[in-house]
C-alpha atoms as a PDB file:
ATOM      1  CA  MET A   1      15.109 -37.675 -49.229  1.00  0.00           C
ATOM      2  CA  ASP A   2      14.439 -41.143 -48.108  1.00  0.00           C
ATOM      3  CA  GLY A   3      11.768 -41.566 -45.402  1.00  0.00           C
ATOM      4  CA  ILE A   4       8.539 -43.078 -44.202  1.00  0.00           C
ATOM      5  CA  HIS A   5       6.689 -41.117 -47.005  1.00  0.00           C
ATOM      6  CA  ASP A   6       8.314 -42.986 -49.722  1.00  0.00           C
ATOM      7  CA  LEU A   7       6.022 -45.863 -49.622  1.00  0.00           C
ATOM      8  CA  GLY A   8       5.807 -46.616 -53.350  1.00  0.00           C
ATOM      9  CA  GLY A   9       6.673 -50.063 -54.419  1.00  0.00           C
ATOM     10  CA  GLN A  10       7.074 -51.372 -50.700  1.00  0.00           C
ATOM     11  CA  ALA A  11       5.385 -54.466 -49.694  1.00  0.00           C
ATOM     12  CA  GLY A  12       3.306 -54.856 -46.408  1.00  0.00           C
ATOM     13  CA  HIS A  13       1.034 -52.098 -46.947  1.00  0.00           C
ATOM     14  CA  ASN A  14      -2.865 -52.511 -47.298  1.00  0.00           C
ATOM     15  CA  ALA A  15      -4.754 -51.265 -50.076  1.00  0.00           C
ATOM     16  CA  LEU A  16      -5.936 -47.452 -49.971  1.00  0.00           C
ATOM     17  CA  GLY A  17      -9.601 -48.402 -49.502  1.00  0.00           C
ATOM     18  CA  TYR A  18     -10.723 -45.820 -51.863  1.00  0.00           C
ATOM     19  CA  HIS A  19     -14.536 -45.294 -52.266  1.00  0.00           C
ATOM     20  CA  ARG A  20     -15.743 -43.162 -55.280  1.00  0.00           C
ATOM     21  CA  ASP A  21     -18.467 -41.569 -53.544  1.00  0.00           C
ATOM     22  CA  GLU A  22     -16.722 -40.697 -49.988  1.00  0.00           C
ATOM     23  CA  PRO A  23     -17.016 -37.220 -48.823  1.00  0.00           C
ATOM     24  CA  VAL A  24     -14.098 -34.690 -49.283  1.00  0.00           C
ATOM     25  CA  PHE A  25     -13.787 -34.312 -45.722  1.00  0.00           C
ATOM     26  CA  LYS A  26     -14.739 -36.979 -43.378  1.00  0.00           C
ATOM     27  CA  ASP A  27     -14.579 -34.788 -40.331  1.00  0.00           C
ATOM     28  CA  ARG A  28     -14.996 -31.113 -39.765  1.00  0.00           C
ATOM     29  CA  TRP A  29     -11.188 -30.777 -38.450  1.00  0.00           C
ATOM     30  CA  GLU A  30      -9.997 -31.860 -41.906  1.00  0.00           C
ATOM     31  CA  ALA A  31     -11.688 -28.845 -43.506  1.00  0.00           C
ATOM     32  CA  VAL A  32     -10.320 -26.612 -40.813  1.00  0.00           C
ATOM     33  CA  VAL A  33      -6.668 -27.989 -41.716  1.00  0.00           C
ATOM     34  CA  PHE A  34      -7.350 -27.527 -45.464  1.00  0.00           C
ATOM     35  CA  THR A  35      -8.089 -23.829 -44.676  1.00  0.00           C
ATOM     36  CA  LEU A  36      -5.000 -23.555 -42.432  1.00  0.00           C
ATOM     37  CA  VAL A  37      -2.636 -24.665 -45.071  1.00  0.00           C
ATOM     38  CA  ARG A  38      -4.115 -22.329 -47.553  1.00  0.00           C
ATOM     39  CA  ALA A  39      -4.065 -19.466 -45.052  1.00  0.00           C
ATOM     40  CA  SER A  40      -0.501 -20.344 -43.881  1.00  0.00           C
ATOM     41  CA  ALA A  41       0.730 -19.674 -47.393  1.00  0.00           C
ATOM     42  CA  GLN A  42      -0.914 -16.290 -47.535  1.00  0.00           C
ATOM     43  CA  ALA A  43       0.765 -15.465 -44.243  1.00  0.00           C
ATOM     44  CA  GLY A  44       4.120 -16.449 -45.635  1.00  0.00           C
ATOM     45  CA  ALA A  45       4.808 -19.887 -43.994  1.00  0.00           C
ATOM     46  CA  TYR A  46       5.891 -21.102 -47.461  1.00  0.00           C
ATOM     47  CA  THR A  47       5.888 -20.062 -51.007  1.00  0.00           C
ATOM     48  CA  ASN A  48       5.503 -23.088 -53.076  1.00  0.00           C
ATOM     49  CA  ILE A  49       3.942 -26.662 -53.157  1.00  0.00           C
ATOM     50  CA  ASP A  50       7.559 -28.299 -52.856  1.00  0.00           C
ATOM     51  CA  GLN A  51       8.216 -26.619 -49.764  1.00  0.00           C
ATOM     52  CA  PHE A  52       5.054 -27.937 -48.332  1.00  0.00           C
ATOM     53  CA  ARG A  53       5.670 -31.376 -49.569  1.00  0.00           C
ATOM     54  CA  HIS A  54       9.144 -31.271 -48.222  1.00  0.00           C
ATOM     55  CA  ALA A  55       7.651 -30.369 -44.656  1.00  0.00           C
ATOM     56  CA  VAL A  56       5.003 -33.399 -45.123  1.00  0.00           C
ATOM     57  CA  GLU A  57       8.120 -35.593 -45.646  1.00  0.00           C
ATOM     58  CA  ARG A  58       9.750 -34.406 -42.329  1.00  0.00           C
ATOM     59  CA  ILE A  59       7.004 -35.126 -39.883  1.00  0.00           C
ATOM     60  CA  ASP A  60       7.521 -37.822 -37.185  1.00  0.00           C
ATOM     61  CA  PRO A  61       7.239 -41.216 -38.978  1.00  0.00           C
ATOM     62  CA  LYS A  62       5.013 -42.527 -36.393  1.00  0.00           C
ATOM     63  CA  ALA A  63       2.538 -39.879 -37.041  1.00  0.00           C
ATOM     64  CA  TYR A  64       2.868 -40.071 -40.746  1.00  0.00           C
ATOM     65  CA  LEU A  65       1.415 -43.671 -40.574  1.00  0.00           C
ATOM     66  CA  GLU A  66      -1.211 -42.854 -37.881  1.00  0.00           C
ATOM     67  CA  HIS A  67      -2.547 -39.404 -38.397  1.00  0.00           C
ATOM     68  CA  GLY A  68      -3.895 -39.812 -41.788  1.00  0.00           C
ATOM     69  CA  TYR A  69      -3.893 -37.620 -44.875  1.00  0.00           C
ATOM     70  CA  TYR A  70      -4.905 -34.134 -43.365  1.00  0.00           C
ATOM     71  CA  GLY A  71      -3.087 -35.064 -40.184  1.00  0.00           C
ATOM     72  CA  ARG A  72      -0.028 -35.005 -42.096  1.00  0.00           C
ATOM     73  CA  TRP A  73      -0.852 -31.573 -43.774  1.00  0.00           C
ATOM     74  CA  LEU A  74      -1.364 -30.394 -40.090  1.00  0.00           C
ATOM     75  CA  GLY A  75       1.977 -31.547 -39.000  1.00  0.00           C
ATOM     76  CA  ALA A  76       3.553 -29.883 -41.984  1.00  0.00           C
ATOM     77  CA  VAL A  77       2.060 -26.678 -41.669  1.00  0.00           C
ATOM     78  CA  GLU A  78       3.004 -26.444 -37.976  1.00  0.00           C
ATOM     79  CA  THR A  79       6.564 -27.192 -39.087  1.00  0.00           C
ATOM     80  CA  LEU A  80       6.417 -24.323 -41.620  1.00  0.00           C
ATOM     81  CA  LEU A  81       4.786 -21.879 -39.332  1.00  0.00           C
ATOM     82  CA  VAL A  82       7.678 -22.415 -36.680  1.00  0.00           C
ATOM     83  CA  GLU A  83      10.406 -22.459 -39.170  1.00  0.00           C
ATOM     84  CA  SER A  84       9.164 -19.091 -40.845  1.00  0.00           C
ATOM     85  CA  GLY A  85       8.961 -17.513 -37.445  1.00  0.00           C
ATOM     86  CA  ILE A  86       5.072 -16.860 -37.568  1.00  0.00           C
ATOM     87  CA  LEU A  87       4.578 -19.201 -34.421  1.00  0.00           C
ATOM     88  CA  THR A  88       6.565 -20.855 -32.025  1.00  0.00           C
ATOM     89  CA  THR A  89       6.443 -24.399 -30.790  1.00  0.00           C
ATOM     90  CA  ALA A  90       5.505 -23.062 -27.259  1.00  0.00           C
ATOM     91  CA  GLU A  91       2.753 -21.132 -28.487  1.00  0.00           C
ATOM     92  CA  ILE A  92       1.288 -24.042 -30.486  1.00  0.00           C
ATOM     93  CA  THR A  93       1.706 -26.385 -27.712  1.00  0.00           C
ATOM     94  CA  GLU A  94       0.060 -23.872 -25.233  1.00  0.00           C
ATOM     95  CA  ARG A  95      -2.999 -23.337 -27.639  1.00  0.00           C
ATOM     96  CA  ALA A  96      -3.372 -27.213 -28.228  1.00  0.00           C
ATOM     97  CA  THR A  97      -3.407 -27.809 -24.331  1.00  0.00           C
ATOM     98  CA  ARG A  98      -5.783 -25.103 -23.818  1.00  0.00           C
ATOM     99  CA  LEU A  99      -8.002 -26.976 -26.345  1.00  0.00           C
ATOM    100  CA  GLY A 100      -7.915 -30.267 -24.831  1.00  0.00           C
ATOM    101  CA  ALA A 101      -4.714 -31.875 -26.130  1.00  0.00           C
ATOM    102  CA  ALA A 102      -2.759 -34.181 -23.656  1.00  0.00           C
ATOM    103  CA  PRO A 103       1.032 -33.654 -22.834  1.00  0.00           C
ATOM    104  CA  ASP A 104       1.772 -37.113 -24.086  1.00  0.00           C
ATOM    105  CA  ASP A 105      -0.112 -36.784 -27.429  1.00  0.00           C
ATOM    106  CA  LEU A 106       2.066 -37.782 -30.540  1.00  0.00           C
ATOM    107  CA  ILE A 107       3.131 -34.468 -32.162  1.00  0.00           C
ATOM    108  CA  ALA A 108       3.922 -34.784 -35.938  1.00  0.00           C
ATOM    109  CA  ALA A 109       5.566 -31.386 -36.494  1.00  0.00           C
ATOM    110  CA  ARG A 110       9.377 -31.499 -36.217  1.00  0.00           C
ATOM    111  CA  PRO A 111      10.619 -28.091 -37.428  1.00  0.00           C
ATOM    112  CA  ASP A 112      14.317 -27.671 -37.949  1.00  0.00           C
ATOM    113  CA  PRO A 113      15.963 -24.535 -35.960  1.00  0.00           C
ATOM    114  CA  THR A 114      18.760 -24.356 -38.185  1.00  0.00           C
ATOM    115  CA  LYS A 115      16.612 -24.341 -41.440  1.00  0.00           C
ATOM    116  CA  THR A 116      19.680 -26.155 -43.196  1.00  0.00           C
ATOM    117  CA  GLN A 117      19.429 -25.162 -47.098  1.00  0.00           C
ATOM    118  CA  THR A 118      20.023 -28.859 -48.363  1.00  0.00           C
ATOM    119  CA  THR A 119      18.973 -29.813 -51.765  1.00  0.00           C
ATOM    120  CA  GLY A 120      17.847 -33.013 -53.383  1.00  0.00           C
ATOM    121  CA  ILE A 121      19.634 -34.474 -56.575  1.00  0.00           C
ATOM    122  CA  PRO A 122      21.888 -31.708 -57.868  1.00  0.00           C
ATOM    123  CA  ALA A 123      20.882 -30.271 -61.364  1.00  0.00           C
ATOM    124  CA  GLN A 124      23.553 -31.138 -63.821  1.00  0.00           C
ATOM    125  CA  ARG A 125      23.315 -27.781 -65.695  1.00  0.00           C
ATOM    126  CA  ASN A 126      20.812 -24.833 -66.233  1.00  0.00           C
ATOM    127  CA  PRO A 127      18.977 -25.795 -69.485  1.00  0.00           C
ATOM    128  CA  ILE A 128      17.431 -22.455 -70.412  1.00  0.00           C
ATOM    129  CA  GLY A 129      18.232 -21.706 -73.923  1.00  0.00           C
ATOM    130  CA  GLU A 130      19.363 -25.121 -74.496  1.00  0.00           C
ATOM    131  CA  ALA A 131      17.664 -28.246 -76.287  1.00  0.00           C
ATOM    132  CA  PRO A 132      16.633 -31.146 -74.015  1.00  0.00           C
ATOM    133  CA  TRP A 133      18.917 -33.966 -73.668  1.00  0.00           C
ATOM    134  CA  PHE A 134      16.475 -36.627 -74.505  1.00  0.00           C
ATOM    135  CA  GLN A 135      13.753 -37.297 -77.119  1.00  0.00           C
ATOM    136  CA  ALA A 136      10.894 -39.819 -77.340  1.00  0.00           C
ATOM    137  CA  GLY A 137      12.202 -43.387 -77.571  1.00  0.00           C
ATOM    138  CA  ASP A 138      15.681 -42.601 -75.987  1.00  0.00           C
ATOM    139  CA  ALA A 139      16.772 -45.271 -73.275  1.00  0.00           C
ATOM    140  CA  ILE A 140      17.661 -43.982 -70.003  1.00  0.00           C
ATOM    141  CA  GLN A 141      18.677 -45.272 -66.751  1.00  0.00           C
ATOM    142  CA  THR A 142      17.638 -43.284 -63.370  1.00  0.00           C
ATOM    143  CA  VAL A 143      20.328 -42.264 -60.950  1.00  0.00           C
ATOM    144  CA  GLN A 144      21.022 -44.063 -57.969  1.00  0.00           C
ATOM    145  CA  ALA A 145      21.381 -41.100 -55.482  1.00  0.00           C
ATOM    146  CA  ALA A 146      19.490 -41.007 -52.147  1.00  0.00           C
ATOM    147  CA  PRO A 147      19.607 -37.361 -51.325  1.00  0.00           C
ATOM    148  CA  LEU A 148      19.051 -35.764 -48.044  1.00  0.00           C
ATOM    149  CA  GLY A 149      16.878 -33.076 -49.476  1.00  0.00           C
ATOM    150  CA  HIS A 150      13.619 -33.212 -51.308  1.00  0.00           C
ATOM    151  CA  THR A 151      13.162 -35.095 -54.647  1.00  0.00           C
ATOM    152  CA  ARG A 152      10.468 -36.362 -56.818  1.00  0.00           C
ATOM    153  CA  LEU A 153      12.373 -39.499 -57.701  1.00  0.00           C
ATOM    154  CA  PRO A 154      11.021 -42.351 -55.812  1.00  0.00           C
ATOM    155  CA  SER A 155      13.217 -45.069 -54.218  1.00  0.00           C
ATOM    156  CA  TYR A 156      11.589 -47.856 -56.118  1.00  0.00           C
ATOM    157  CA  ALA A 157      12.579 -46.182 -59.445  1.00  0.00           C
ATOM    158  CA  ARG A 158      16.285 -45.276 -58.783  1.00  0.00           C
ATOM    159  CA  ASN A 159      19.021 -47.088 -60.779  1.00  0.00           C
ATOM    160  CA  LYS A 160      16.306 -48.491 -63.183  1.00  0.00           C
ATOM    161  CA  LYS A 161      16.214 -48.665 -66.884  1.00  0.00           C
ATOM    162  CA  GLY A 162      13.122 -47.206 -69.002  1.00  0.00           C
ATOM    163  CA  PHE A 163      12.592 -45.199 -72.086  1.00  0.00           C
ATOM    164  CA  ILE A 164      11.542 -41.569 -72.866  1.00  0.00           C
ATOM    165  CA  THR A 165       7.863 -41.401 -73.820  1.00  0.00           C
ATOM    166  CA  ALA A 166       7.459 -37.541 -74.110  1.00  0.00           C
ATOM    167  CA  CYS A 167       9.198 -34.413 -73.198  1.00  0.00           C
ATOM    168  CA  GLN A 168       6.927 -32.072 -71.010  1.00  0.00           C
ATOM    169  CA  GLY A 169       8.931 -28.868 -71.263  1.00  0.00           C
ATOM    170  CA  LEU A 170      10.881 -26.811 -68.804  1.00  0.00           C
ATOM    171  CA  TRP A 171       9.306 -26.678 -65.210  1.00  0.00           C
ATOM    172  CA  PRO A 172      10.722 -25.576 -61.791  1.00  0.00           C
ATOM    173  CA  TYR A 173      13.069 -28.018 -60.251  1.00  0.00           C
ATOM    174  CA  PRO A 174      11.605 -29.300 -56.999  1.00  0.00           C
ATOM    175  CA  ASP A 175      14.851 -30.505 -55.601  1.00  0.00           C
ATOM    176  CA  LEU A 176      16.037 -26.872 -55.453  1.00  0.00           C
ATOM    177  CA  ARG A 177      12.594 -25.124 -55.113  1.00  0.00           C
ATOM    178  CA  ALA A 178      11.854 -26.896 -51.903  1.00  0.00           C
ATOM    179  CA  HIS A 179      14.861 -25.429 -50.204  1.00  0.00           C
ATOM    180  CA  GLY A 180      14.305 -21.733 -51.242  1.00  0.00           C
ATOM    181  CA  HIS A 181      16.765 -21.904 -54.095  1.00  0.00           C
ATOM    182  CA  GLY A 182      14.503 -20.099 -56.602  1.00  0.00           C
ATOM    183  CA  GLU A 183      12.607 -21.255 -59.576  1.00  0.00           C
ATOM    184  CA  GLN A 184      15.409 -22.857 -61.564  1.00  0.00           C
ATOM    185  CA  LEU A 185      14.031 -24.800 -64.513  1.00  0.00           C
ATOM    186  CA  GLN A 186      14.787 -28.304 -65.743  1.00  0.00           C
ATOM    187  CA  TYR A 187      13.205 -30.386 -68.510  1.00  0.00           C
ATOM    188  CA  LEU A 188      10.408 -32.811 -67.421  1.00  0.00           C
ATOM    189  CA  TYR A 189      10.160 -36.184 -69.367  1.00  0.00           C
ATOM    190  CA  THR A 190       7.277 -38.889 -69.133  1.00  0.00           C
ATOM    191  CA  VAL A 191       9.597 -42.164 -68.697  1.00  0.00           C
ATOM    192  CA  THR A 192       7.974 -45.633 -69.250  1.00  0.00           C
ATOM    193  CA  PHE A 193       9.124 -48.561 -67.169  1.00  0.00           C
ATOM    194  CA  ASP A 194       8.441 -52.341 -67.385  1.00  0.00           C
ATOM    195  CA  SER A 195       6.779 -52.909 -63.771  1.00  0.00           C
ATOM    196  CA  LEU A 196       8.827 -56.192 -63.365  1.00  0.00           C
ATOM    197  CA  ASN A 197      12.212 -54.391 -63.571  1.00  0.00           C
ATOM    198  CA  LEU A 198      10.839 -52.216 -60.728  1.00  0.00           C
ATOM    199  CA  GLY A 199      10.301 -55.024 -58.493  1.00  0.00           C
ATOM    200  CA  PHE A 200       6.571 -55.530 -59.053  1.00  0.00           C
ATOM    201  CA  SER A 201       5.037 -58.963 -59.325  1.00  0.00           C
ATOM    202  CA  GLU A 202       2.531 -58.152 -62.037  1.00  0.00           C
ATOM    203  CA  ALA A 203       3.599 -57.118 -65.630  1.00  0.00           C
ATOM    204  CA  PHE A 204       2.401 -53.782 -66.826  1.00  0.00           C
ATOM    205  CA  GLU A 205       4.001 -50.461 -67.994  1.00  0.00           C
ATOM    206  CA  LEU A 206       4.351 -47.868 -65.465  1.00  0.00           C
ATOM    207  CA  ASN A 207       4.609 -44.060 -66.609  1.00  0.00           C
ATOM    208  CA  LEU A 208       6.540 -41.678 -64.336  1.00  0.00           C
ATOM    209  CA  ASP A 209       7.287 -37.848 -64.884  1.00  0.00           C
ATOM    210  CA  LEU A 210      10.911 -37.401 -64.022  1.00  0.00           C
ATOM    211  CA  PHE A 211      13.315 -34.515 -64.425  1.00  0.00           C
ATOM    212  CA  GLU A 212      16.346 -34.247 -66.431  1.00  0.00           C
ATOM    213  CA  PRO A 213      18.886 -34.383 -63.675  1.00  0.00           C
ATOM    214  CA  TYR A 214      17.375 -37.876 -62.663  1.00  0.00           C
ATOM    215  CA  LEU A 215      18.326 -39.431 -65.802  1.00  0.00           C
ATOM    216  CA  ASN A 216      21.201 -40.648 -67.674  1.00  0.00           C
ATOM    217  CA  PRO A 217      21.408 -42.038 -71.392  1.00  0.00           C
ATOM    218  CA  ILE A 218      22.236 -45.548 -72.162  1.00  0.00           C
ATOM    219  CA  GLU A 219      22.903 -47.374 -75.228  1.00  0.00           C
ATOM    220  CA  ILE A 220      20.441 -50.324 -74.773  1.00  0.00           C
ATOM    221  CA  ILE A 221      17.879 -51.594 -72.247  1.00  0.00           C
ATOM    222  CA  GLN A 222      18.767 -55.158 -71.134  1.00  0.00           C
END
């Protein structure tokens, strides 16, 4: 899906500010959130990483930018706990208020009460028992779709030309898996792009791991 989470290739954002020796958790609450995310999976709030990633994508956009890495995790796990029926929004709000939260605090979680079973880019076919469509060296062009559901094809790499570097075998397809449609498998490829064709100002090769439904064959790369 398109949203605030899809920041790759977009201008106007500062450097990540990564420091090699920085601590895993900068504050105690981050470690608590890490534990909550693991425990919520054991409790049945979600069953796979793609469901969790899709929950992160759906948090409040302002919170996505302001709450930091583990703040996004917290918003996602609250969303999943409500959607799975383990907790209610009212229960979470009451507990947070009791611990000192203010009524006007920005809430990241945005659970969907309808739990609509949307999908990302549709799978073109079930490849089990069939050979992959592409081989190393094949020229491809990514699809242009902007799906409502979860997908691992970033917006800056849509409708772009590249070539297959390697086939990584069959993997569960996240565009279906994130929405509870099972462990359907699709071939995954490493695809190499020219950064200039993706809109970057500096020239380099960029490798992305992309699923077969994201790719179409082309005769020649212009």
